[in-house]
């Protein structure tokens, strides 16, 4: 709300957890030059309004957020005047948690004494639209289990292309019993397009299973 000068409520935020992430996805991320991180992302898009969501992403290893591990948290921002900046520190553990709680108690006590409610107020003077999840844009990592036979890669590429999804790369990586595992990385595409492609792929006779579909953030797009 403070960042975009427009009220953002919890129900405006699309949330996806990490329960679908598998060890295979983590290994593929390493092979492709990424790490998997759970990010909260906020963007002010000119066309569709404020885009706010939480979900796992493939993040390039060279991105500053890729090095945030263990009990540490970070906020990475891109501002009109300051450019890129990151705020980094411990977000868990006994002392960091106690420090945050005591800080909140002190702020509340000061508000009571001064008869105020928050010394830094939200400057929500604009009423921006919320970007529908269908209109959000990202690249995607897609992992499929398919028949191991000639023509399968072509059929999959055609299915993506017919739904307006352009592929950056497609690799056949390993055999699973009598099937093959294929990993595709798409170019940036709207979520509704990748959803349409997912339905078409599931209906293909040569596709046994769509095992994973994870957003990919590149260095220019990640916030």
C-alpha atoms as a PDB file:
ATOM      1  CA  UNK A   1       0.000   0.000   0.000  1.00  0.00           C
ATOM      2  CA  UNK A   2       2.814   2.412   0.894  1.00  0.00           C
ATOM      3  CA  UNK A   3       4.829   1.472  -2.199  1.00  0.00           C
ATOM      4  CA  UNK A   4       2.003   2.065  -4.669  1.00  0.00           C
ATOM      5  CA  UNK A   5       0.025   4.784  -2.810  1.00  0.00           C
ATOM      6  CA  UNK A   6      -3.048   2.580  -3.141  1.00  0.00           C
ATOM      7  CA  UNK A   7      -4.694   0.280  -0.603  1.00  0.00           C
ATOM      8  CA  UNK A   8      -3.802  -3.411  -1.059  1.00  0.00           C
ATOM      9  CA  UNK A   9      -5.847  -5.840   1.038  1.00  0.00           C
ATOM     10  CA  UNK A  10      -4.972  -9.435   1.884  1.00  0.00           C
ATOM     11  CA  UNK A  11      -7.723 -10.784  -0.367  1.00  0.00           C
ATOM     12  CA  UNK A  12      -6.089  -8.974  -3.300  1.00  0.00           C
ATOM     13  CA  UNK A  13      -2.992 -11.172  -3.014  1.00  0.00           C
ATOM     14  CA  UNK A  14      -2.799 -14.416  -4.993  1.00  0.00           C
ATOM     15  CA  UNK A  15      -1.005 -16.997  -2.813  1.00  0.00           C
ATOM     16  CA  UNK A  16       0.638 -20.293  -3.801  1.00  0.00           C
ATOM     17  CA  UNK A  17       2.784 -22.348  -1.423  1.00  0.00           C
ATOM     18  CA  UNK A  18       5.729 -24.725  -1.853  1.00  0.00           C
ATOM     19  CA  UNK A  19       3.984 -28.084  -1.390  1.00  0.00           C
ATOM     20  CA  UNK A  20       4.246 -28.950  -5.100  1.00  0.00           C
ATOM     21  CA  UNK A  21       8.017 -28.351  -5.272  1.00  0.00           C
ATOM     22  CA  UNK A  22       9.931 -31.648  -5.590  1.00  0.00           C
ATOM     23  CA  UNK A  23      13.622 -32.592  -5.256  1.00  0.00           C
ATOM     24  CA  UNK A  24      13.651 -33.075  -9.046  1.00  0.00           C
ATOM     25  CA  UNK A  25      12.597 -29.433  -9.547  1.00  0.00           C
ATOM     26  CA  UNK A  26      15.406 -28.286  -7.259  1.00  0.00           C
ATOM     27  CA  UNK A  27      17.927 -30.342  -9.246  1.00  0.00           C
ATOM     28  CA  UNK A  28      16.654 -29.017 -12.585  1.00  0.00           C
ATOM     29  CA  UNK A  29      16.892 -25.472 -11.227  1.00  0.00           C
ATOM     30  CA  UNK A  30      20.567 -26.035 -10.395  1.00  0.00           C
ATOM     31  CA  UNK A  31      21.281 -27.525 -13.822  1.00  0.00           C
ATOM     32  CA  UNK A  32      19.617 -24.578 -15.571  1.00  0.00           C
ATOM     33  CA  UNK A  33      21.365 -21.889 -13.491  1.00  0.00           C
ATOM     34  CA  UNK A  34      18.554 -21.073 -11.045  1.00  0.00           C
ATOM     35  CA  UNK A  35      17.572 -21.497  -7.413  1.00  0.00           C
ATOM     36  CA  UNK A  36      13.976 -21.898  -6.201  1.00  0.00           C
ATOM     37  CA  UNK A  37      12.753 -19.214  -3.807  1.00  0.00           C
ATOM     38  CA  UNK A  38       9.352 -18.355  -2.347  1.00  0.00           C
ATOM     39  CA  UNK A  39       8.807 -14.690  -3.219  1.00  0.00           C
ATOM     40  CA  UNK A  40       6.189 -12.077  -2.441  1.00  0.00           C
ATOM     41  CA  UNK A  41       6.041  -9.913  -5.560  1.00  0.00           C
ATOM     42  CA  UNK A  42       4.464  -6.512  -6.047  1.00  0.00           C
ATOM     43  CA  UNK A  43       4.458  -4.599  -9.339  1.00  0.00           C
ATOM     44  CA  UNK A  44       2.644  -1.516 -10.548  1.00  0.00           C
ATOM     45  CA  UNK A  45       1.734  -2.341 -14.147  1.00  0.00           C
ATOM     46  CA  UNK A  46       0.547   0.441 -16.414  1.00  0.00           C
ATOM     47  CA  UNK A  47      -1.895  -1.738 -18.337  1.00  0.00           C
ATOM     48  CA  UNK A  48      -3.613  -3.797 -15.618  1.00  0.00           C
ATOM     49  CA  UNK A  49      -2.894  -2.074 -12.289  1.00  0.00           C
ATOM     50  CA  UNK A  50      -1.161  -3.367  -9.158  1.00  0.00           C
ATOM     51  CA  UNK A  51       0.016  -6.978  -9.417  1.00  0.00           C
ATOM     52  CA  UNK A  52       0.551  -8.605  -5.975  1.00  0.00           C
ATOM     53  CA  UNK A  53       1.220 -12.337  -5.472  1.00  0.00           C
ATOM     54  CA  UNK A  54       3.158 -14.927  -3.470  1.00  0.00           C
ATOM     55  CA  UNK A  55       4.538 -18.073  -5.093  1.00  0.00           C
ATOM     56  CA  UNK A  56       7.727 -20.098  -5.713  1.00  0.00           C
ATOM     57  CA  UNK A  57       9.930 -18.998  -8.607  1.00  0.00           C
ATOM     58  CA  UNK A  58      13.025 -20.059 -10.489  1.00  0.00           C
ATOM     59  CA  UNK A  59      15.410 -17.208  -9.676  1.00  0.00           C
ATOM     60  CA  UNK A  60      18.740 -16.712 -11.512  1.00  0.00           C
ATOM     61  CA  UNK A  61      21.723 -17.584  -9.327  1.00  0.00           C
ATOM     62  CA  UNK A  62      23.239 -14.136  -9.933  1.00  0.00           C
ATOM     63  CA  UNK A  63      20.209 -12.297  -8.505  1.00  0.00           C
ATOM     64  CA  UNK A  64      20.855 -10.834  -4.998  1.00  0.00           C
ATOM     65  CA  UNK A  65      17.814 -12.647  -3.550  1.00  0.00           C
ATOM     66  CA  UNK A  66      19.251 -16.002  -4.635  1.00  0.00           C
ATOM     67  CA  UNK A  67      21.848 -15.806  -1.826  1.00  0.00           C
ATOM     68  CA  UNK A  68      19.244 -15.328   0.938  1.00  0.00           C
ATOM     69  CA  UNK A  69      19.167 -18.573   2.948  1.00  0.00           C
ATOM     70  CA  UNK A  70      18.452 -20.118   6.350  1.00  0.00           C
ATOM     71  CA  UNK A  71      16.840 -17.691   8.859  1.00  0.00           C
ATOM     72  CA  UNK A  72      17.547 -14.617   6.732  1.00  0.00           C
ATOM     73  CA  UNK A  73      14.900 -12.588   4.891  1.00  0.00           C
ATOM     74  CA  UNK A  74      15.313  -9.844   2.325  1.00  0.00           C
ATOM     75  CA  UNK A  75      13.324  -7.172   0.523  1.00  0.00           C
ATOM     76  CA  UNK A  76      14.526  -6.224  -2.961  1.00  0.00           C
ATOM     77  CA  UNK A  77      13.056  -3.054  -4.451  1.00  0.00           C
ATOM     78  CA  UNK A  78      13.367  -1.034  -7.622  1.00  0.00           C
ATOM     79  CA  UNK A  79      12.493   2.629  -7.199  1.00  0.00           C
ATOM     80  CA  UNK A  80      12.130   5.435  -9.730  1.00  0.00           C
ATOM     81  CA  UNK A  81      14.864   7.503  -8.079  1.00  0.00           C
ATOM     82  CA  UNK A  82      17.088   5.076  -6.152  1.00  0.00           C
ATOM     83  CA  UNK A  83      17.172   2.221  -8.661  1.00  0.00           C
ATOM     84  CA  UNK A  84      17.747  -1.190  -7.065  1.00  0.00           C
ATOM     85  CA  UNK A  85      18.212  -1.691  -3.309  1.00  0.00           C
ATOM     86  CA  UNK A  86      18.016  -4.674  -0.955  1.00  0.00           C
ATOM     87  CA  UNK A  87      17.336  -4.817   2.788  1.00  0.00           C
ATOM     88  CA  UNK A  88      18.649  -7.997   4.403  1.00  0.00           C
ATOM     89  CA  UNK A  89      18.629  -9.467   7.892  1.00  0.00           C
ATOM     90  CA  UNK A  90      17.579 -12.253  10.228  1.00  0.00           C
ATOM     91  CA  UNK A  91      13.859 -12.985  10.107  1.00  0.00           C
ATOM     92  CA  UNK A  92      13.640 -15.939  12.505  1.00  0.00           C
ATOM     93  CA  UNK A  93      15.133 -17.159  15.755  1.00  0.00           C
ATOM     94  CA  UNK A  94      14.649 -16.204  19.393  1.00  0.00           C
ATOM     95  CA  UNK A  95      16.457 -12.842  19.461  1.00  0.00           C
ATOM     96  CA  UNK A  96      15.244 -11.439  16.091  1.00  0.00           C
ATOM     97  CA  UNK A  97      11.645 -12.379  16.950  1.00  0.00           C
ATOM     98  CA  UNK A  98      11.905 -10.899  20.451  1.00  0.00           C
ATOM     99  CA  UNK A  99      13.397  -7.717  19.012  1.00  0.00           C
ATOM    100  CA  UNK A 100      10.479  -7.316  16.577  1.00  0.00           C
ATOM    101  CA  UNK A 101       7.892  -7.933  19.334  1.00  0.00           C
ATOM    102  CA  UNK A 102       9.526  -5.432  21.720  1.00  0.00           C
ATOM    103  CA  UNK A 103       9.700  -2.881  18.879  1.00  0.00           C
ATOM    104  CA  UNK A 104       5.952  -3.255  18.256  1.00  0.00           C
ATOM    105  CA  UNK A 105       5.194  -2.903  21.996  1.00  0.00           C
ATOM    106  CA  UNK A 106       7.275   0.293  22.175  1.00  0.00           C
ATOM    107  CA  UNK A 107       5.529   1.743  19.096  1.00  0.00           C
ATOM    108  CA  UNK A 108       2.115   0.949  20.585  1.00  0.00           C
ATOM    109  CA  UNK A 109       3.072   2.489  23.952  1.00  0.00           C
ATOM    110  CA  UNK A 110       4.238   5.686  22.238  1.00  0.00           C
ATOM    111  CA  UNK A 111       0.980   5.883  20.284  1.00  0.00           C
ATOM    112  CA  UNK A 112      -0.996   5.553  23.536  1.00  0.00           C
ATOM    113  CA  UNK A 113       1.036   8.278  25.265  1.00  0.00           C
ATOM    114  CA  UNK A 114       0.827  10.627  22.262  1.00  0.00           C
ATOM    115  CA  UNK A 115      -2.809   9.739  21.471  1.00  0.00           C
ATOM    116  CA  UNK A 116      -1.899   8.790  17.907  1.00  0.00           C
ATOM    117  CA  UNK A 117      -2.344   5.732  15.712  1.00  0.00           C
ATOM    118  CA  UNK A 118       0.814   5.023  13.790  1.00  0.00           C
ATOM    119  CA  UNK A 119       3.348   7.754  13.148  1.00  0.00           C
ATOM    120  CA  UNK A 120       3.933   6.592   9.561  1.00  0.00           C
ATOM    121  CA  UNK A 121       0.565   6.515   7.868  1.00  0.00           C
ATOM    122  CA  UNK A 122      -0.305   4.916   4.556  1.00  0.00           C
ATOM    123  CA  UNK A 123      -0.476   7.507   1.786  1.00  0.00           C
ATOM    124  CA  UNK A 124      -3.256   5.712  -0.093  1.00  0.00           C
ATOM    125  CA  UNK A 125      -4.492   8.696  -2.098  1.00  0.00           C
ATOM    126  CA  UNK A 126      -4.745   6.726  -5.354  1.00  0.00           C
ATOM    127  CA  UNK A 127      -7.292   4.033  -6.221  1.00  0.00           C
ATOM    128  CA  UNK A 128      -5.453   1.746  -8.594  1.00  0.00           C
ATOM    129  CA  UNK A 129      -6.952  -1.376 -10.090  1.00  0.00           C
ATOM    130  CA  UNK A 130      -5.774  -4.815  -8.968  1.00  0.00           C
ATOM    131  CA  UNK A 131      -4.223  -6.863 -11.748  1.00  0.00           C
ATOM    132  CA  UNK A 132      -6.234 -10.099 -12.241  1.00  0.00           C
ATOM    133  CA  UNK A 133      -4.104 -13.233 -11.886  1.00  0.00           C
ATOM    134  CA  UNK A 134      -5.062 -14.159 -15.467  1.00  0.00           C
ATOM    135  CA  UNK A 135      -3.289 -11.034 -16.763  1.00  0.00           C
ATOM    136  CA  UNK A 136      -0.054 -11.455 -14.789  1.00  0.00           C
ATOM    137  CA  UNK A 137       3.011 -12.140 -16.928  1.00  0.00           C
ATOM    138  CA  UNK A 138       5.980 -14.418 -16.367  1.00  0.00           C
ATOM    139  CA  UNK A 139       8.167 -17.030 -17.971  1.00  0.00           C
ATOM    140  CA  UNK A 140       7.473 -20.625 -16.919  1.00  0.00           C
ATOM    141  CA  UNK A 141       9.349 -23.856 -16.259  1.00  0.00           C
ATOM    142  CA  UNK A 142       7.218 -26.820 -17.308  1.00  0.00           C
ATOM    143  CA  UNK A 143       8.201 -30.446 -16.611  1.00  0.00           C
ATOM    144  CA  UNK A 144       6.308 -33.191 -18.426  1.00  0.00           C
ATOM    145  CA  UNK A 145       6.334 -36.996 -18.512  1.00  0.00           C
ATOM    146  CA  UNK A 146       5.716 -38.127 -22.093  1.00  0.00           C
ATOM    147  CA  UNK A 147       5.904 -41.100 -24.432  1.00  0.00           C
ATOM    148  CA  UNK A 148       9.454 -41.789 -25.566  1.00  0.00           C
ATOM    149  CA  UNK A 149       8.885 -41.830 -29.319  1.00  0.00           C
ATOM    150  CA  UNK A 150       9.608 -39.720 -32.419  1.00  0.00           C
ATOM    151  CA  UNK A 151       7.456 -36.623 -32.944  1.00  0.00           C
ATOM    152  CA  UNK A 152       6.635 -35.992 -29.289  1.00  0.00           C
ATOM    153  CA  UNK A 153       8.762 -32.830 -29.019  1.00  0.00           C
ATOM    154  CA  UNK A 154       7.117 -31.449 -32.151  1.00  0.00           C
ATOM    155  CA  UNK A 155       3.617 -32.179 -30.829  1.00  0.00           C
ATOM    156  CA  UNK A 156       4.389 -30.441 -27.537  1.00  0.00           C
ATOM    157  CA  UNK A 157       5.937 -27.395 -29.230  1.00  0.00           C
ATOM    158  CA  UNK A 158       2.898 -27.153 -31.509  1.00  0.00           C
ATOM    159  CA  UNK A 159       0.518 -27.355 -28.530  1.00  0.00           C
ATOM    160  CA  UNK A 160       2.342 -24.486 -26.831  1.00  0.00           C
ATOM    161  CA  UNK A 161       2.491 -22.438 -30.036  1.00  0.00           C
ATOM    162  CA  UNK A 162      -1.216 -22.853 -30.809  1.00  0.00           C
ATOM    163  CA  UNK A 163      -2.002 -21.199 -27.463  1.00  0.00           C
ATOM    164  CA  UNK A 164       0.367 -18.292 -28.100  1.00  0.00           C
ATOM    165  CA  UNK A 165       3.131 -19.580 -25.788  1.00  0.00           C
ATOM    166  CA  UNK A 166       6.628 -19.135 -27.208  1.00  0.00           C
ATOM    167  CA  UNK A 167       9.315 -21.559 -26.016  1.00  0.00           C
ATOM    168  CA  UNK A 168      12.790 -20.380 -25.046  1.00  0.00           C
ATOM    169  CA  UNK A 169      14.187 -23.907 -24.731  1.00  0.00           C
ATOM    170  CA  UNK A 170      13.028 -27.539 -24.656  1.00  0.00           C
ATOM    171  CA  UNK A 171      15.214 -30.396 -23.452  1.00  0.00           C
ATOM    172  CA  UNK A 172      14.621 -34.128 -23.072  1.00  0.00           C
ATOM    173  CA  UNK A 173      16.473 -34.954 -19.896  1.00  0.00           C
ATOM    174  CA  UNK A 174      15.982 -38.513 -18.647  1.00  0.00           C
ATOM    175  CA  UNK A 175      14.019 -41.706 -18.999  1.00  0.00           C
ATOM    176  CA  UNK A 176      11.465 -42.801 -16.400  1.00  0.00           C
ATOM    177  CA  UNK A 177      10.637 -46.461 -17.032  1.00  0.00           C
ATOM    178  CA  UNK A 178       9.412 -46.457 -20.653  1.00  0.00           C
ATOM    179  CA  UNK A 179       8.663 -42.733 -20.635  1.00  0.00           C
ATOM    180  CA  UNK A 180      10.786 -39.606 -21.139  1.00  0.00           C
ATOM    181  CA  UNK A 181      10.911 -36.446 -19.046  1.00  0.00           C
ATOM    182  CA  UNK A 182      10.868 -33.151 -20.928  1.00  0.00           C
ATOM    183  CA  UNK A 183      11.610 -29.723 -19.476  1.00  0.00           C
ATOM    184  CA  UNK A 184      10.484 -26.561 -21.286  1.00  0.00           C
ATOM    185  CA  UNK A 185      11.223 -22.923 -20.440  1.00  0.00           C
ATOM    186  CA  UNK A 186       8.818 -20.426 -21.989  1.00  0.00           C
ATOM    187  CA  UNK A 187       9.255 -16.804 -22.884  1.00  0.00           C
ATOM    188  CA  UNK A 188       7.236 -14.253 -20.899  1.00  0.00           C
ATOM    189  CA  UNK A 189       3.517 -14.986 -21.288  1.00  0.00           C
ATOM    190  CA  UNK A 190       0.229 -14.136 -19.608  1.00  0.00           C
ATOM    191  CA  UNK A 191      -1.007 -16.617 -16.993  1.00  0.00           C
ATOM    192  CA  UNK A 192      -4.250 -17.262 -18.899  1.00  0.00           C
ATOM    193  CA  UNK A 193      -2.204 -18.369 -21.918  1.00  0.00           C
ATOM    194  CA  UNK A 194      -0.145 -20.861 -19.911  1.00  0.00           C
ATOM    195  CA  UNK A 195      -3.368 -22.166 -18.348  1.00  0.00           C
ATOM    196  CA  UNK A 196      -4.834 -22.737 -21.817  1.00  0.00           C
ATOM    197  CA  UNK A 197      -1.644 -24.486 -22.923  1.00  0.00           C
ATOM    198  CA  UNK A 198      -1.752 -26.693 -19.807  1.00  0.00           C
ATOM    199  CA  UNK A 199      -5.260 -27.910 -20.689  1.00  0.00           C
ATOM    200  CA  UNK A 200      -4.224 -28.709 -24.271  1.00  0.00           C
ATOM    201  CA  UNK A 201      -1.093 -30.552 -23.117  1.00  0.00           C
ATOM    202  CA  UNK A 202      -3.071 -32.646 -20.632  1.00  0.00           C
ATOM    203  CA  UNK A 203      -5.331 -33.762 -23.471  1.00  0.00           C
ATOM    204  CA  UNK A 204      -2.463 -34.905 -25.714  1.00  0.00           C
ATOM    205  CA  UNK A 205      -2.246 -38.722 -25.956  1.00  0.00           C
ATOM    206  CA  UNK A 206       1.576 -38.572 -25.785  1.00  0.00           C
ATOM    207  CA  UNK A 207       1.578 -36.640 -22.462  1.00  0.00           C
ATOM    208  CA  UNK A 208       1.300 -38.851 -19.378  1.00  0.00           C
ATOM    209  CA  UNK A 209       1.580 -36.121 -16.763  1.00  0.00           C
ATOM    210  CA  UNK A 210       2.410 -32.455 -16.263  1.00  0.00           C
ATOM    211  CA  UNK A 211       4.666 -32.838 -13.246  1.00  0.00           C
ATOM    212  CA  UNK A 212       5.532 -29.210 -12.479  1.00  0.00           C
ATOM    213  CA  UNK A 213       4.782 -25.684 -13.633  1.00  0.00           C
ATOM    214  CA  UNK A 214       6.786 -22.953 -11.879  1.00  0.00           C
ATOM    215  CA  UNK A 215       7.259 -19.284 -12.744  1.00  0.00           C
ATOM    216  CA  UNK A 216      10.698 -18.092 -13.832  1.00  0.00           C
ATOM    217  CA  UNK A 217      11.916 -14.627 -12.853  1.00  0.00           C
ATOM    218  CA  UNK A 218      14.743 -13.160 -14.916  1.00  0.00           C
ATOM    219  CA  UNK A 219      17.213 -10.583 -13.604  1.00  0.00           C
ATOM    220  CA  UNK A 220      15.378  -7.702 -15.258  1.00  0.00           C
ATOM    221  CA  UNK A 221      11.894  -8.703 -14.054  1.00  0.00           C
ATOM    222  CA  UNK A 222      12.531  -9.891 -10.473  1.00  0.00           C
ATOM    223  CA  UNK A 223      11.500  -7.452  -7.736  1.00  0.00           C
END
